[in-house]
Amino acid sequence: MKKITLLFTITLLILSCNKPKKSYLEKIQQHQYELNSFYANEKDSPLTIKDLKEFKSLDFFEIDEAYKIIADFELTPNTAIFEMKTSTERLPLYRKYGVASFILNGKEFRLNIYQNQSLLTSVEYKNHLFLPFNDLTNNKTSYGGGRYIDLEIPSTDSNTITIDFNKAYNPYCAYNHKYSCPIPPAENFLNTEIKAGVKIFKKH
């Protein structure tokens, strides 16, 4: 019996090792599927009741691996906590956690990456970092209020951070005006078109 169990375990390990890894395209497609599932879920969706009834899928830019960036990352310790402006009078507290530097579309860019102070005591989100940005697609093919990317604190021995614009998403305000959404600080404007991630929700 022990021999049979061992043989079965070895077989599973072999099958697991031989299972082909997902391609980058498949990983982003899976990410988009999960995003659509979230927006289609009546319990959690930020969509209005009317839009939820009609919802089929978010509109995405074409997946392009060139928009997955390995950026140089410089920590900015001891920066002052500040109130980030939002679409309402709410002023959540953030701190500039670090600066990402990279080249995209032949240009050099820097983006500030922030840490939400209210999440520091959260077990689930204590490693969460927040990247809000604007670019030249705003009010054209992307939401005029900018977009967001969720990141995690890199390991202590790393001086880089991965920024995948294919995972850029809209603030809830793009779908429903009842929400209060952080406005990307002026220094996080990218003077280029970021044709990746979620597009504008045309009804709003």
C-alpha atoms as a PDB file:
ATOM      1  CA  MET A   1       0.000   0.000   0.000  1.00  0.00           C
ATOM      2  CA  LYS A   2       2.857   2.358   0.875  1.00  0.00           C
ATOM      3  CA  LYS A   3       4.516   1.606  -2.475  1.00  0.00           C
ATOM      4  CA  ILE A   4       1.299   2.437  -4.351  1.00  0.00           C
ATOM      5  CA  THR A   5       0.893   5.706  -2.449  1.00  0.00           C
ATOM      6  CA  LEU A   6       4.523   6.656  -3.135  1.00  0.00           C
ATOM      7  CA  LEU A   7       4.141   5.818  -6.831  1.00  0.00           C
ATOM      8  CA  PHE A   8       0.975   7.934  -7.025  1.00  0.00           C
ATOM      9  CA  THR A   9       2.760  10.876  -5.346  1.00  0.00           C
ATOM     10  CA  ILE A  10       5.715  10.637  -7.746  1.00  0.00           C
ATOM     11  CA  THR A  11       3.342  10.506 -10.720  1.00  0.00           C
ATOM     12  CA  LEU A  12       1.588  13.675  -9.540  1.00  0.00           C
ATOM     13  CA  LEU A  13       4.927  15.433  -9.127  1.00  0.00           C
ATOM     14  CA  ILE A  14       6.000  14.455 -12.645  1.00  0.00           C
ATOM     15  CA  LEU A  15       2.704  15.652 -14.125  1.00  0.00           C
ATOM     16  CA  SER A  16       3.001  18.905 -12.186  1.00  0.00           C
ATOM     17  CA  CYS A  17       6.548  19.508 -13.442  1.00  0.00           C
ATOM     18  CA  ASN A  18       5.551  18.771 -17.037  1.00  0.00           C
ATOM     19  CA  LYS A  19       2.551  21.097 -16.930  1.00  0.00           C
ATOM     20  CA  PRO A  20       3.341  24.024 -19.252  1.00  0.00           C
ATOM     21  CA  LYS A  21       3.669  27.396 -17.577  1.00  0.00           C
ATOM     22  CA  LYS A  22       1.214  30.101 -18.536  1.00  0.00           C
ATOM     23  CA  SER A  23       2.490  32.596 -21.078  1.00  0.00           C
ATOM     24  CA  TYR A  24       2.494  36.310 -20.268  1.00  0.00           C
ATOM     25  CA  LEU A  25      -0.506  36.777 -22.562  1.00  0.00           C
ATOM     26  CA  GLU A  26      -2.437  34.063 -20.710  1.00  0.00           C
ATOM     27  CA  LYS A  27      -1.593  35.585 -17.322  1.00  0.00           C
ATOM     28  CA  ILE A  28      -2.947  39.001 -18.335  1.00  0.00           C
ATOM     29  CA  GLN A  29      -6.008  37.393 -19.926  1.00  0.00           C
ATOM     30  CA  GLN A  30      -6.615  35.615 -16.614  1.00  0.00           C
ATOM     31  CA  HIS A  31      -6.193  38.944 -14.790  1.00  0.00           C
ATOM     32  CA  GLN A  32      -8.753  40.558 -17.099  1.00  0.00           C
ATOM     33  CA  TYR A  33     -11.167  37.661 -16.608  1.00  0.00           C
ATOM     34  CA  GLU A  34     -10.927  38.056 -12.821  1.00  0.00           C
ATOM     35  CA  LEU A  35     -11.445  41.805 -13.135  1.00  0.00           C
ATOM     36  CA  ASN A  36     -14.543  41.283 -15.272  1.00  0.00           C
ATOM     37  CA  SER A  37     -15.854  38.714 -12.796  1.00  0.00           C
ATOM     38  CA  PHE A  38     -15.459  41.229  -9.986  1.00  0.00           C
ATOM     39  CA  TYR A  39     -17.332  43.935 -11.892  1.00  0.00           C
ATOM     40  CA  ALA A  40     -20.099  41.490 -12.809  1.00  0.00           C
ATOM     41  CA  ASN A  41     -20.582  40.505  -9.158  1.00  0.00           C
ATOM     42  CA  GLU A  42     -23.587  42.384  -7.828  1.00  0.00           C
ATOM     43  CA  LYS A  43     -22.264  42.204  -4.253  1.00  0.00           C
ATOM     44  CA  ASP A  44     -18.913  43.925  -4.883  1.00  0.00           C
ATOM     45  CA  SER A  45     -19.251  45.750  -8.197  1.00  0.00           C
ATOM     46  CA  PRO A  46     -18.816  49.553  -8.233  1.00  0.00           C
ATOM     47  CA  LEU A  47     -21.157  49.765 -11.225  1.00  0.00           C
ATOM     48  CA  THR A  48     -24.532  51.430 -10.925  1.00  0.00           C
ATOM     49  CA  ILE A  49     -27.533  49.109 -10.853  1.00  0.00           C
ATOM     50  CA  LYS A  50     -28.418  50.111 -14.405  1.00  0.00           C
ATOM     51  CA  ASP A  51     -24.903  49.541 -15.773  1.00  0.00           C
ATOM     52  CA  LEU A  52     -24.556  46.263 -13.896  1.00  0.00           C
ATOM     53  CA  LYS A  53     -27.603  44.863 -15.662  1.00  0.00           C
ATOM     54  CA  GLU A  54     -26.045  45.691 -19.043  1.00  0.00           C
ATOM     55  CA  PHE A  55     -22.443  44.816 -18.175  1.00  0.00           C
ATOM     56  CA  LYS A  56     -20.620  42.319 -20.385  1.00  0.00           C
ATOM     57  CA  SER A  57     -16.968  43.257 -20.126  1.00  0.00           C
ATOM     58  CA  LEU A  58     -14.598  46.122 -19.441  1.00  0.00           C
ATOM     59  CA  ASP A  59     -12.863  47.555 -22.474  1.00  0.00           C
ATOM     60  CA  PHE A  60      -9.122  46.880 -22.509  1.00  0.00           C
ATOM     61  CA  PHE A  61      -6.222  48.092 -24.591  1.00  0.00           C
ATOM     62  CA  GLU A  62      -4.478  45.332 -26.537  1.00  0.00           C
ATOM     63  CA  ILE A  63      -2.140  43.371 -24.275  1.00  0.00           C
ATOM     64  CA  ASP A  64       1.429  44.488 -24.901  1.00  0.00           C
ATOM     65  CA  GLU A  65       4.335  43.067 -22.902  1.00  0.00           C
ATOM     66  CA  ALA A  66       6.380  46.181 -23.726  1.00  0.00           C
ATOM     67  CA  TYR A  67       4.308  47.910 -21.040  1.00  0.00           C
ATOM     68  CA  LYS A  68       5.609  45.553 -18.354  1.00  0.00           C
ATOM     69  CA  ILE A  69       8.459  47.605 -16.921  1.00  0.00           C
ATOM     70  CA  ILE A  70      11.315  46.621 -14.620  1.00  0.00           C
ATOM     71  CA  ALA A  71      11.993  50.038 -13.083  1.00  0.00           C
ATOM     72  CA  ASP A  72      14.854  51.189 -10.908  1.00  0.00           C
ATOM     73  CA  PHE A  73      13.452  51.767  -7.448  1.00  0.00           C
ATOM     74  CA  GLU A  74      14.769  54.224  -4.893  1.00  0.00           C
ATOM     75  CA  LEU A  75      13.321  54.246  -1.399  1.00  0.00           C
ATOM     76  CA  THR A  76      12.399  57.602   0.119  1.00  0.00           C
ATOM     77  CA  PRO A  77      12.475  56.952   3.879  1.00  0.00           C
ATOM     78  CA  ASN A  78      11.252  59.528   6.398  1.00  0.00           C
ATOM     79  CA  THR A  79       9.178  61.441   3.847  1.00  0.00           C
ATOM     80  CA  ALA A  80       6.348  63.482   5.323  1.00  0.00           C
ATOM     81  CA  ILE A  81       2.845  62.092   5.523  1.00  0.00           C
ATOM     82  CA  PHE A  82       0.461  64.182   3.420  1.00  0.00           C
ATOM     83  CA  GLU A  83      -3.217  64.436   2.534  1.00  0.00           C
ATOM     84  CA  MET A  84      -3.895  63.204  -0.984  1.00  0.00           C
ATOM     85  CA  LYS A  85      -6.642  65.059  -2.825  1.00  0.00           C
ATOM     86  CA  THR A  86      -9.666  63.078  -3.918  1.00  0.00           C
ATOM     87  CA  SER A  87     -12.788  63.610  -6.001  1.00  0.00           C
ATOM     88  CA  THR A  88     -14.574  64.603  -2.776  1.00  0.00           C
ATOM     89  CA  GLU A  89     -13.577  66.422   0.400  1.00  0.00           C
ATOM     90  CA  ARG A  90     -12.055  63.243   1.812  1.00  0.00           C
ATOM     91  CA  LEU A  91      -8.290  63.529   2.378  1.00  0.00           C
ATOM     92  CA  PRO A  92      -6.675  60.145   3.010  1.00  0.00           C
ATOM     93  CA  LEU A  93      -3.158  60.052   4.424  1.00  0.00           C
ATOM     94  CA  TYR A  94      -0.314  58.820   2.239  1.00  0.00           C
ATOM     95  CA  ARG A  95       3.466  58.850   2.267  1.00  0.00           C
ATOM     96  CA  LYS A  96       5.827  58.767  -0.710  1.00  0.00           C
ATOM     97  CA  TYR A  97       7.407  55.359  -0.275  1.00  0.00           C
ATOM     98  CA  GLY A  98       9.789  55.454  -3.230  1.00  0.00           C
ATOM     99  CA  VAL A  99      10.522  56.626  -6.758  1.00  0.00           C
ATOM    100  CA  ALA A 100      10.507  54.386  -9.843  1.00  0.00           C
ATOM    101  CA  SER A 101      12.695  55.388 -12.820  1.00  0.00           C
ATOM    102  CA  PHE A 102      12.370  53.758 -16.234  1.00  0.00           C
ATOM    103  CA  ILE A 103      12.448  54.214 -19.995  1.00  0.00           C
ATOM    104  CA  LEU A 104       9.234  53.799 -21.980  1.00  0.00           C
ATOM    105  CA  ASN A 105       8.484  54.697 -25.585  1.00  0.00           C
ATOM    106  CA  GLY A 106      12.036  56.017 -25.865  1.00  0.00           C
ATOM    107  CA  LYS A 107      11.631  58.519 -23.007  1.00  0.00           C
ATOM    108  CA  GLU A 108      12.868  58.594 -19.427  1.00  0.00           C
ATOM    109  CA  PHE A 109      10.222  58.803 -16.694  1.00  0.00           C
ATOM    110  CA  ARG A 110       9.953  58.929 -12.917  1.00  0.00           C
ATOM    111  CA  LEU A 111       6.866  57.999 -10.921  1.00  0.00           C
ATOM    112  CA  ASN A 112       6.254  58.411  -7.212  1.00  0.00           C
ATOM    113  CA  ILE A 113       4.899  55.341  -5.469  1.00  0.00           C
ATOM    114  CA  TYR A 114       2.812  55.876  -2.350  1.00  0.00           C
ATOM    115  CA  GLN A 115       1.840  53.994   0.794  1.00  0.00           C
ATOM    116  CA  ASN A 116      -1.626  54.366   2.271  1.00  0.00           C
ATOM    117  CA  GLN A 117      -1.158  54.984   5.986  1.00  0.00           C
ATOM    118  CA  SER A 118      -4.533  53.521   6.932  1.00  0.00           C
ATOM    119  CA  LEU A 119      -3.455  50.105   5.608  1.00  0.00           C
ATOM    120  CA  LEU A 120      -0.343  49.762   7.755  1.00  0.00           C
ATOM    121  CA  THR A 121      -2.231  47.830  10.432  1.00  0.00           C
ATOM    122  CA  SER A 122      -3.928  45.541   7.896  1.00  0.00           C
ATOM    123  CA  VAL A 123      -2.530  42.025   7.683  1.00  0.00           C
ATOM    124  CA  GLU A 124      -3.811  41.637   4.122  1.00  0.00           C
ATOM    125  CA  TYR A 125      -2.613  44.988   2.769  1.00  0.00           C
ATOM    126  CA  LYS A 126       0.410  45.889   4.913  1.00  0.00           C
ATOM    127  CA  ASN A 127       2.737  45.360   1.907  1.00  0.00           C
ATOM    128  CA  HIS A 128       0.472  47.270  -0.489  1.00  0.00           C
ATOM    129  CA  LEU A 129       1.811  50.213  -2.514  1.00  0.00           C
ATOM    130  CA  PHE A 130      -0.247  52.600  -4.624  1.00  0.00           C
ATOM    131  CA  LEU A 131       0.679  53.996  -8.036  1.00  0.00           C
ATOM    132  CA  PRO A 132      -1.760  56.572  -9.451  1.00  0.00           C
ATOM    133  CA  PHE A 133      -0.874  58.181 -12.794  1.00  0.00           C
ATOM    134  CA  ASN A 134      -2.100  60.298 -15.675  1.00  0.00           C
ATOM    135  CA  ASP A 135      -0.962  60.120 -19.311  1.00  0.00           C
ATOM    136  CA  LEU A 136      -1.751  61.455 -22.766  1.00  0.00           C
ATOM    137  CA  THR A 137      -4.625  59.005 -23.331  1.00  0.00           C
ATOM    138  CA  ASN A 138      -6.707  60.683 -20.587  1.00  0.00           C
ATOM    139  CA  ASN A 139     -10.110  61.930 -21.798  1.00  0.00           C
ATOM    140  CA  LYS A 140      -9.462  60.206 -25.131  1.00  0.00           C
ATOM    141  CA  THR A 141      -9.177  56.452 -24.801  1.00  0.00           C
ATOM    142  CA  SER A 142      -8.688  56.274 -21.028  1.00  0.00           C
ATOM    143  CA  TYR A 143     -10.509  57.763 -18.045  1.00  0.00           C
ATOM    144  CA  GLY A 144      -9.886  61.491 -17.588  1.00  0.00           C
ATOM    145  CA  GLY A 145      -9.304  61.125 -13.856  1.00  0.00           C
ATOM    146  CA  GLY A 146      -6.260  58.917 -14.327  1.00  0.00           C
ATOM    147  CA  ARG A 147      -5.665  55.274 -13.528  1.00  0.00           C
ATOM    148  CA  TYR A 148      -4.151  53.170 -10.753  1.00  0.00           C
ATOM    149  CA  ILE A 149      -1.764  50.239 -10.416  1.00  0.00           C
ATOM    150  CA  ASP A 150      -1.485  48.116  -7.268  1.00  0.00           C
ATOM    151  CA  LEU A 151       2.036  47.108  -6.249  1.00  0.00           C
ATOM    152  CA  GLU A 152       3.734  45.317  -3.389  1.00  0.00           C
ATOM    153  CA  ILE A 153       6.799  46.331  -1.400  1.00  0.00           C
ATOM    154  CA  PRO A 154       9.839  44.704  -3.073  1.00  0.00           C
ATOM    155  CA  SER A 155      12.207  42.504  -1.102  1.00  0.00           C
ATOM    156  CA  THR A 156      14.745  44.377   1.033  1.00  0.00           C
ATOM    157  CA  ASP A 157      17.655  43.386  -1.211  1.00  0.00           C
ATOM    158  CA  SER A 158      15.976  44.593  -4.419  1.00  0.00           C
ATOM    159  CA  ASN A 159      16.595  47.930  -6.119  1.00  0.00           C
ATOM    160  CA  THR A 160      13.956  47.381  -8.798  1.00  0.00           C
ATOM    161  CA  ILE A 161      10.173  47.178  -8.943  1.00  0.00           C
ATOM    162  CA  THR A 162       7.912  45.718 -11.635  1.00  0.00           C
ATOM    163  CA  ILE A 163       5.264  48.064 -13.027  1.00  0.00           C
ATOM    164  CA  ASP A 164       2.830  46.372 -15.392  1.00  0.00           C
ATOM    165  CA  PHE A 165       0.664  48.949 -17.140  1.00  0.00           C
ATOM    166  CA  ASN A 166      -1.409  46.107 -18.600  1.00  0.00           C
ATOM    167  CA  LYS A 167      -2.850  45.863 -15.072  1.00  0.00           C
ATOM    168  CA  ALA A 168      -3.743  49.571 -14.871  1.00  0.00           C
ATOM    169  CA  TYR A 169      -7.347  50.036 -13.805  1.00  0.00           C
ATOM    170  CA  ASN A 170      -9.844  52.856 -13.409  1.00  0.00           C
ATOM    171  CA  PRO A 171     -10.877  54.480 -10.116  1.00  0.00           C
ATOM    172  CA  TYR A 172     -14.387  53.540  -9.042  1.00  0.00           C
ATOM    173  CA  CYS A 173     -15.369  57.123  -9.887  1.00  0.00           C
ATOM    174  CA  ALA A 174     -15.088  56.173 -13.558  1.00  0.00           C
ATOM    175  CA  TYR A 175     -18.211  54.054 -13.073  1.00  0.00           C
ATOM    176  CA  ASN A 176     -20.151  55.611 -10.247  1.00  0.00           C
ATOM    177  CA  HIS A 177     -20.010  59.158  -8.861  1.00  0.00           C
ATOM    178  CA  LYS A 178     -20.902  58.036  -5.341  1.00  0.00           C
ATOM    179  CA  TYR A 179     -17.280  57.036  -4.704  1.00  0.00           C
ATOM    180  CA  SER A 180     -14.397  59.142  -3.409  1.00  0.00           C
ATOM    181  CA  CYS A 181     -11.251  58.509  -5.457  1.00  0.00           C
ATOM    182  CA  PRO A 182      -7.650  59.720  -5.050  1.00  0.00           C
ATOM    183  CA  ILE A 183      -6.536  62.138  -7.748  1.00  0.00           C
ATOM    184  CA  PRO A 184      -3.097  61.323  -9.195  1.00  0.00           C
ATOM    185  CA  PRO A 185      -0.596  63.971  -7.999  1.00  0.00           C
ATOM    186  CA  ALA A 186       0.716  66.287 -10.717  1.00  0.00           C
ATOM    187  CA  GLU A 187       4.215  64.787 -10.529  1.00  0.00           C
ATOM    188  CA  ASN A 188       2.809  61.445 -11.704  1.00  0.00           C
ATOM    189  CA  PHE A 189       1.887  62.694 -15.157  1.00  0.00           C
ATOM    190  CA  LEU A 190       3.489  60.703 -17.975  1.00  0.00           C
ATOM    191  CA  ASN A 191       4.047  62.738 -21.119  1.00  0.00           C
ATOM    192  CA  THR A 192       3.325  59.753 -23.345  1.00  0.00           C
ATOM    193  CA  GLU A 193       0.408  57.531 -24.261  1.00  0.00           C
ATOM    194  CA  ILE A 194      -0.008  54.481 -22.051  1.00  0.00           C
ATOM    195  CA  LYS A 195      -1.969  52.216 -24.371  1.00  0.00           C
ATOM    196  CA  ALA A 196      -2.358  49.427 -21.856  1.00  0.00           C
ATOM    197  CA  GLY A 197      -4.777  48.358 -19.163  1.00  0.00           C
ATOM    198  CA  VAL A 198      -8.426  49.361 -18.819  1.00  0.00           C
ATOM    199  CA  LYS A 199      -9.898  51.899 -21.230  1.00  0.00           C
ATOM    200  CA  ILE A 200     -12.461  54.604 -20.526  1.00  0.00           C
ATOM    201  CA  PHE A 201     -15.949  53.531 -19.468  1.00  0.00           C
ATOM    202  CA  LYS A 202     -17.720  55.450 -22.218  1.00  0.00           C
ATOM    203  CA  LYS A 203     -20.993  55.985 -20.358  1.00  0.00           C
ATOM    204  CA  HIS A 204     -19.287  58.133 -17.763  1.00  0.00           C
END
